[in-house]
Amino acid sequence: MKPLPLVAILTTVAFQSHWLDDLGTGDPDVAGRVVSAVGTLFLLGGVLLLPRRAGRLALALGFLFTAMVSIADLSGLGVGGAFAPDVVEHWRSGLGWGFTALVAATLLLSVAGTAILARVPQAKGQ
């Protein structure tokens, strides 16, 4: 498998965790599911549409979207727009170290995917 589709699929799998963490709490995270669906549609749609320009655009939007959501999760951005006062405490008790590592991996995969996308030339005639 080529690197770009592989990174996009790995990013999608990691990004699904952004709503799975709420399943154990009994709190239905509708917003998390919508966010996850949007990122997934962009990333997997982009993989399916490669090497067309629409596929590259969808991947770029998907990587950007997943990176922004990951940054928001890691910074402790709340529903009202306020950030966590203590980020390390947010990682330790708010997210938990395992989930923090997974969100950080999602962010790194998104950045790597964007870099690969920028380096892969577009197919001629597309």
N, C-alpha and C. Protein backbone atom coordinates (compact mmCIF):
# COMPACT_ATOMS: atom_id res chain seq x y z
N MET A 1 0.85 -1.17 0.00
CA MET A 1 0.00 0.00 0.00
C MET A 1 0.89 1.23 0.00
N LYS A 2 0.47 2.24 -0.72
CA LYS A 2 1.24 3.48 -0.79
C LYS A 2 1.14 4.24 0.53
N PRO A 3 2.13 5.08 0.84
CA PRO A 3 2.16 5.76 2.14
C PRO A 3 0.96 6.69 2.40
N LEU A 4 0.52 7.43 1.40
CA LEU A 4 -0.56 8.39 1.63
C LEU A 4 -1.87 7.71 2.05
N PRO A 5 -2.36 6.72 1.30
CA PRO A 5 -3.59 6.05 1.76
C PRO A 5 -3.41 5.36 3.11
N LEU A 6 -2.23 4.79 3.35
CA LEU A 6 -1.97 4.12 4.62
C LEU A 6 -2.06 5.10 5.79
N VAL A 7 -1.43 6.25 5.66
CA VAL A 7 -1.48 7.26 6.73
C VAL A 7 -2.91 7.77 6.91
N ALA A 8 -3.64 7.94 5.81
CA ALA A 8 -5.03 8.40 5.91
C ALA A 8 -5.89 7.39 6.65
N ILE A 9 -5.70 6.11 6.38
CA ILE A 9 -6.48 5.07 7.07
C ILE A 9 -6.09 4.99 8.54
N LEU A 10 -4.79 5.05 8.84
CA LEU A 10 -4.35 5.04 10.24
C LEU A 10 -4.88 6.26 11.00
N THR A 11 -4.89 7.41 10.35
CA THR A 11 -5.43 8.62 10.98
C THR A 11 -6.92 8.45 11.27
N THR A 12 -7.64 7.85 10.33
CA THR A 12 -9.07 7.63 10.51
C THR A 12 -9.33 6.70 11.69
N VAL A 13 -8.58 5.63 11.79
CA VAL A 13 -8.76 4.68 12.90
C VAL A 13 -8.47 5.37 14.23
N ALA A 14 -7.38 6.11 14.29
CA ALA A 14 -7.03 6.82 15.53
C ALA A 14 -8.07 7.89 15.85
N PHE A 15 -8.60 8.54 14.83
CA PHE A 15 -9.56 9.63 15.04
C PHE A 15 -10.88 9.10 15.60
N GLN A 16 -11.21 7.84 15.36
CA GLN A 16 -12.45 7.27 15.90
C GLN A 16 -12.46 7.29 17.42
N SER A 17 -11.28 7.31 18.02
CA SER A 17 -11.19 7.31 19.47
C SER A 17 -11.71 8.60 20.10
N HIS A 18 -11.88 9.64 19.31
CA HIS A 18 -12.30 10.93 19.85
C HIS A 18 -13.72 10.89 20.40
N TRP A 19 -14.49 9.90 20.04
CA TRP A 19 -15.81 9.76 20.66
C TRP A 19 -15.94 8.46 21.44
N LEU A 20 -15.08 7.50 21.17
CA LEU A 20 -15.18 6.21 21.87
C LEU A 20 -14.91 6.33 23.37
N ASP A 21 -14.15 7.37 23.77
CA ASP A 21 -13.83 7.52 25.19
C ASP A 21 -15.06 7.79 26.04
N ASP A 22 -16.14 8.27 25.43
CA ASP A 22 -17.34 8.61 26.19
C ASP A 22 -18.31 7.43 26.34
N LEU A 23 -18.04 6.32 25.68
CA LEU A 23 -18.98 5.19 25.74
C LEU A 23 -19.10 4.64 27.15
N GLY A 24 -18.00 4.60 27.89
CA GLY A 24 -18.03 4.06 29.24
C GLY A 24 -18.72 4.95 30.25
N THR A 25 -18.87 6.24 29.94
CA THR A 25 -19.47 7.16 30.89
C THR A 25 -20.99 7.13 30.86
N GLY A 26 -21.57 6.57 29.80
CA GLY A 26 -23.02 6.56 29.67
C GLY A 26 -23.56 7.87 29.13
N ASP A 27 -22.67 8.81 28.84
CA ASP A 27 -23.06 10.11 28.29
C ASP A 27 -22.97 10.04 26.78
N PRO A 28 -24.11 10.08 26.07
CA PRO A 28 -24.06 9.99 24.62
C PRO A 28 -23.40 11.25 24.04
N ASP A 29 -22.27 11.06 23.39
CA ASP A 29 -21.50 12.18 22.84
C ASP A 29 -21.88 12.38 21.38
N VAL A 30 -23.00 13.04 21.15
CA VAL A 30 -23.49 13.25 19.79
C VAL A 30 -22.53 14.13 19.01
N ALA A 31 -22.04 15.19 19.63
CA ALA A 31 -21.10 16.09 18.94
C ALA A 31 -19.84 15.33 18.55
N GLY A 32 -19.34 14.48 19.43
CA GLY A 32 -18.15 13.70 19.13
C GLY A 32 -18.36 12.76 17.96
N ARG A 33 -19.54 12.20 17.87
CA ARG A 33 -19.84 11.30 16.75
C ARG A 33 -19.94 12.08 15.45
N VAL A 34 -20.52 13.26 15.49
CA VAL A 34 -20.62 14.09 14.28
C VAL A 34 -19.23 14.51 13.82
N VAL A 35 -18.40 14.96 14.76
CA VAL A 35 -17.04 15.37 14.44
C VAL A 35 -16.28 14.18 13.84
N SER A 36 -16.42 13.02 14.45
CA SER A 36 -15.75 11.83 13.95
C SER A 36 -16.22 11.47 12.55
N ALA A 37 -17.50 11.59 12.31
CA ALA A 37 -18.06 11.29 10.99
C ALA A 37 -17.53 12.24 9.93
N VAL A 38 -17.44 13.52 10.25
CA VAL A 38 -16.94 14.50 9.28
C VAL A 38 -15.50 14.19 8.90
N GLY A 39 -14.66 13.97 9.91
CA GLY A 39 -13.26 13.64 9.62
C GLY A 39 -13.12 12.36 8.83
N THR A 40 -13.91 11.36 9.19
CA THR A 40 -13.87 10.08 8.50
C THR A 40 -14.31 10.21 7.04
N LEU A 41 -15.36 10.96 6.80
CA LEU A 41 -15.83 11.15 5.42
C LEU A 41 -14.77 11.82 4.56
N PHE A 42 -14.13 12.85 5.09
CA PHE A 42 -13.08 13.53 4.33
C PHE A 42 -11.91 12.59 4.04
N LEU A 43 -11.44 11.89 5.07
CA LEU A 43 -10.25 11.05 4.90
C LEU A 43 -10.51 9.84 4.01
N LEU A 44 -11.56 9.08 4.32
CA LEU A 44 -11.82 7.89 3.51
C LEU A 44 -12.33 8.26 2.12
N GLY A 45 -13.11 9.33 2.03
CA GLY A 45 -13.52 9.82 0.71
C GLY A 45 -12.33 10.24 -0.12
N GLY A 46 -11.36 10.89 0.52
CA GLY A 46 -10.15 11.29 -0.19
C GLY A 46 -9.36 10.09 -0.70
N VAL A 47 -9.27 9.05 0.12
CA VAL A 47 -8.55 7.84 -0.31
C VAL A 47 -9.25 7.22 -1.51
N LEU A 48 -10.57 7.17 -1.47
CA LEU A 48 -11.32 6.56 -2.58
C LEU A 48 -11.22 7.39 -3.87
N LEU A 49 -11.06 8.70 -3.73
CA LEU A 49 -11.01 9.56 -4.91
C LEU A 49 -9.61 9.81 -5.45
N LEU A 50 -8.59 9.28 -4.76
CA LEU A 50 -7.23 9.47 -5.26
C LEU A 50 -7.09 8.77 -6.61
N PRO A 51 -6.31 9.25 -7.53
CA PRO A 51 -5.41 10.40 -7.49
C PRO A 51 -6.04 11.69 -8.01
N ARG A 52 -7.34 11.73 -8.11
CA ARG A 52 -8.00 12.95 -8.62
C ARG A 52 -7.79 14.14 -7.69
N ARG A 53 -7.98 15.31 -8.24
CA ARG A 53 -7.83 16.55 -7.47
C ARG A 53 -8.83 16.57 -6.30
N ALA A 54 -10.03 16.06 -6.52
CA ALA A 54 -11.03 16.03 -5.45
C ALA A 54 -10.57 15.16 -4.29
N GLY A 55 -9.86 14.07 -4.58
CA GLY A 55 -9.33 13.21 -3.53
C GLY A 55 -8.25 13.91 -2.73
N ARG A 56 -7.38 14.63 -3.43
CA ARG A 56 -6.32 15.37 -2.73
C ARG A 56 -6.93 16.47 -1.86
N LEU A 57 -7.95 17.14 -2.37
CA LEU A 57 -8.61 18.20 -1.60
C LEU A 57 -9.30 17.61 -0.36
N ALA A 58 -10.00 16.50 -0.55
CA ALA A 58 -10.67 15.86 0.58
C ALA A 58 -9.66 15.41 1.63
N LEU A 59 -8.54 14.85 1.21
CA LEU A 59 -7.51 14.44 2.16
C LEU A 59 -6.93 15.64 2.90
N ALA A 60 -6.67 16.71 2.17
CA ALA A 60 -6.13 17.92 2.81
C ALA A 60 -7.11 18.44 3.87
N LEU A 61 -8.39 18.49 3.54
CA LEU A 61 -9.39 18.94 4.50
C LEU A 61 -9.50 17.97 5.68
N GLY A 62 -9.44 16.68 5.40
CA GLY A 62 -9.52 15.68 6.46
C GLY A 62 -8.35 15.75 7.42
N PHE A 63 -7.13 15.89 6.88
CA PHE A 63 -5.96 16.01 7.74
C PHE A 63 -6.00 17.30 8.56
N LEU A 64 -6.41 18.39 7.94
CA LEU A 64 -6.52 19.66 8.65
C LEU A 64 -7.57 19.56 9.76
N PHE A 65 -8.71 18.98 9.45
CA PHE A 65 -9.80 18.85 10.42
C PHE A 65 -9.38 17.99 11.61
N THR A 66 -8.77 16.83 11.33
CA THR A 66 -8.36 15.96 12.43
C THR A 66 -7.26 16.60 13.27
N ALA A 67 -6.39 17.36 12.64
CA ALA A 67 -5.35 18.06 13.41
C ALA A 67 -5.97 19.11 14.33
N MET A 68 -6.93 19.88 13.81
CA MET A 68 -7.57 20.92 14.63
C MET A 68 -8.33 20.31 15.80
N VAL A 69 -9.04 19.23 15.57
CA VAL A 69 -9.79 18.58 16.65
C VAL A 69 -8.84 17.99 17.68
N SER A 70 -7.73 17.42 17.21
CA SER A 70 -6.74 16.86 18.13
C SER A 70 -6.12 17.95 19.00
N ILE A 71 -5.80 19.08 18.39
CA ILE A 71 -5.25 20.20 19.16
C ILE A 71 -6.25 20.69 20.19
N ALA A 72 -7.52 20.77 19.80
CA ALA A 72 -8.56 21.20 20.74
C ALA A 72 -8.67 20.21 21.90
N ASP A 73 -8.62 18.91 21.60
CA ASP A 73 -8.69 17.90 22.66
C ASP A 73 -7.49 17.99 23.59
N LEU A 74 -6.31 18.13 23.02
CA LEU A 74 -5.09 18.17 23.84
C LEU A 74 -4.99 19.44 24.67
N SER A 75 -5.55 20.54 24.17
CA SER A 75 -5.47 21.80 24.91
C SER A 75 -6.58 21.95 25.94
N GLY A 76 -7.53 21.03 25.93
CA GLY A 76 -8.61 21.07 26.91
C GLY A 76 -9.68 22.08 26.57
N LEU A 77 -9.88 22.34 25.29
CA LEU A 77 -10.91 23.27 24.87
C LEU A 77 -12.28 22.73 25.25
N GLY A 78 -13.02 23.52 26.01
CA GLY A 78 -14.33 23.10 26.48
C GLY A 78 -15.44 23.54 25.55
N VAL A 79 -16.65 23.14 25.88
CA VAL A 79 -17.83 23.47 25.06
C VAL A 79 -18.02 24.97 24.97
N GLY A 80 -17.79 25.70 26.05
CA GLY A 80 -17.98 27.15 26.05
C GLY A 80 -16.83 27.93 25.44
N GLY A 81 -15.80 27.25 24.98
CA GLY A 81 -14.66 27.91 24.37
C GLY A 81 -13.52 28.19 25.33
N ALA A 82 -13.66 27.79 26.58
CA ALA A 82 -12.60 28.01 27.57
C ALA A 82 -11.63 26.83 27.54
N PHE A 83 -10.36 27.14 27.74
CA PHE A 83 -9.34 26.11 27.79
C PHE A 83 -9.16 25.62 29.22
N ALA A 84 -8.63 24.41 29.35
CA ALA A 84 -8.34 23.86 30.67
C ALA A 84 -7.28 24.73 31.34
N PRO A 85 -7.47 25.09 32.61
CA PRO A 85 -6.48 25.94 33.28
C PRO A 85 -5.13 25.25 33.48
N ASP A 86 -5.14 23.95 33.63
CA ASP A 86 -3.90 23.18 33.80
C ASP A 86 -3.92 22.04 32.79
N VAL A 87 -3.13 22.19 31.72
CA VAL A 87 -3.17 21.23 30.62
C VAL A 87 -2.68 19.85 31.07
N VAL A 88 -1.63 19.81 31.86
CA VAL A 88 -1.10 18.52 32.31
C VAL A 88 -2.14 17.80 33.17
N GLU A 89 -2.83 18.53 34.02
CA GLU A 89 -3.90 17.93 34.83
C GLU A 89 -5.03 17.44 33.93
N HIS A 90 -5.32 18.19 32.87
CA HIS A 90 -6.34 17.79 31.90
C HIS A 90 -5.93 16.47 31.24
N TRP A 91 -4.64 16.35 30.88
CA TRP A 91 -4.16 15.11 30.27
C TRP A 91 -4.24 13.95 31.26
N ARG A 92 -3.88 14.22 32.52
CA ARG A 92 -3.83 13.16 33.52
C ARG A 92 -5.21 12.69 33.93
N SER A 93 -6.08 13.61 34.29
CA SER A 93 -7.38 13.21 34.83
C SER A 93 -8.54 13.42 33.85
N GLY A 94 -8.46 14.43 33.01
CA GLY A 94 -9.55 14.68 32.07
C GLY A 94 -9.60 13.67 30.95
N LEU A 95 -8.45 13.49 30.30
CA LEU A 95 -8.38 12.53 29.20
C LEU A 95 -7.85 11.18 29.64
N GLY A 96 -6.90 11.20 30.54
CA GLY A 96 -6.18 9.98 30.90
C GLY A 96 -4.97 9.86 29.99
N TRP A 97 -3.90 9.27 30.52
CA TRP A 97 -2.66 9.22 29.74
C TRP A 97 -2.78 8.41 28.47
N GLY A 98 -3.53 7.33 28.49
CA GLY A 98 -3.68 6.50 27.29
C GLY A 98 -4.38 7.25 26.17
N PHE A 99 -5.49 7.90 26.52
CA PHE A 99 -6.23 8.65 25.52
C PHE A 99 -5.43 9.86 25.04
N THR A 100 -4.68 10.50 25.94
CA THR A 100 -3.83 11.62 25.55
C THR A 100 -2.81 11.17 24.52
N ALA A 101 -2.20 10.01 24.74
CA ALA A 101 -1.22 9.48 23.79
C ALA A 101 -1.87 9.18 22.44
N LEU A 102 -3.09 8.65 22.46
CA LEU A 102 -3.79 8.35 21.22
C LEU A 102 -4.16 9.62 20.46
N VAL A 103 -4.59 10.65 21.15
CA VAL A 103 -4.91 11.92 20.50
C VAL A 103 -3.64 12.56 19.94
N ALA A 104 -2.54 12.47 20.68
CA ALA A 104 -1.26 12.99 20.19
C ALA A 104 -0.82 12.23 18.94
N ALA A 105 -1.03 10.92 18.92
CA ALA A 105 -0.70 10.12 17.75
C ALA A 105 -1.57 10.53 16.55
N THR A 106 -2.84 10.81 16.81
CA THR A 106 -3.72 11.29 15.74
C THR A 106 -3.19 12.59 15.16
N LEU A 107 -2.77 13.50 16.03
CA LEU A 107 -2.21 14.77 15.57
C LEU A 107 -0.96 14.54 14.73
N LEU A 108 -0.06 13.69 15.19
CA LEU A 108 1.17 13.41 14.44
C LEU A 108 0.87 12.75 13.10
N LEU A 109 -0.08 11.84 13.07
CA LEU A 109 -0.47 11.22 11.81
C LEU A 109 -1.06 12.25 10.84
N SER A 110 -1.85 13.18 11.35
CA SER A 110 -2.43 14.22 10.51
C SER A 110 -1.36 15.11 9.90
N VAL A 111 -0.38 15.48 10.71
CA VAL A 111 0.72 16.31 10.21
C VAL A 111 1.55 15.54 9.19
N ALA A 112 1.83 14.27 9.49
CA ALA A 112 2.58 13.44 8.55
C ALA A 112 1.82 13.27 7.23
N GLY A 113 0.52 13.05 7.31
CA GLY A 113 -0.29 12.92 6.10
C GLY A 113 -0.28 14.18 5.27
N THR A 114 -0.34 15.33 5.93
CA THR A 114 -0.30 16.60 5.21
C THR A 114 1.04 16.77 4.51
N ALA A 115 2.13 16.40 5.20
CA ALA A 115 3.47 16.50 4.60
C ALA A 115 3.61 15.56 3.40
N ILE A 116 3.11 14.35 3.54
CA ILE A 116 3.17 13.40 2.42
C ILE A 116 2.35 13.92 1.25
N LEU A 117 1.17 14.42 1.54
CA LEU A 117 0.28 14.95 0.50
C LEU A 117 0.94 16.09 -0.25
N ALA A 118 1.65 16.94 0.47
CA ALA A 118 2.33 18.08 -0.17
C ALA A 118 3.49 17.63 -1.06
N ARG A 119 4.08 16.50 -0.74
CA ARG A 119 5.25 16.02 -1.48
C ARG A 119 4.89 15.13 -2.67
N VAL A 120 3.73 14.50 -2.62
CA VAL A 120 3.33 13.61 -3.71
C VAL A 120 2.80 14.45 -4.87
N PRO A 121 3.41 14.31 -6.04
CA PRO A 121 2.94 15.14 -7.17
C PRO A 121 1.54 14.71 -7.61
N GLN A 122 0.82 15.69 -8.10
CA GLN A 122 -0.53 15.42 -8.60
C GLN A 122 -0.41 14.73 -9.95
N ALA A 123 -1.30 13.80 -10.21
CA ALA A 123 -1.30 13.09 -11.49
C ALA A 123 -1.54 14.07 -12.64
N LYS A 124 -0.88 13.83 -13.74
CA LYS A 124 -1.03 14.71 -14.91
C LYS A 124 -2.46 14.62 -15.45
N GLY A 125 -2.99 15.75 -15.84
CA GLY A 125 -4.33 15.80 -16.39
C GLY A 125 -5.43 15.84 -15.37
N GLN A 126 -5.09 15.93 -14.11
CA GLN A 126 -6.09 15.95 -13.05
C GLN A 126 -6.31 17.36 -12.62
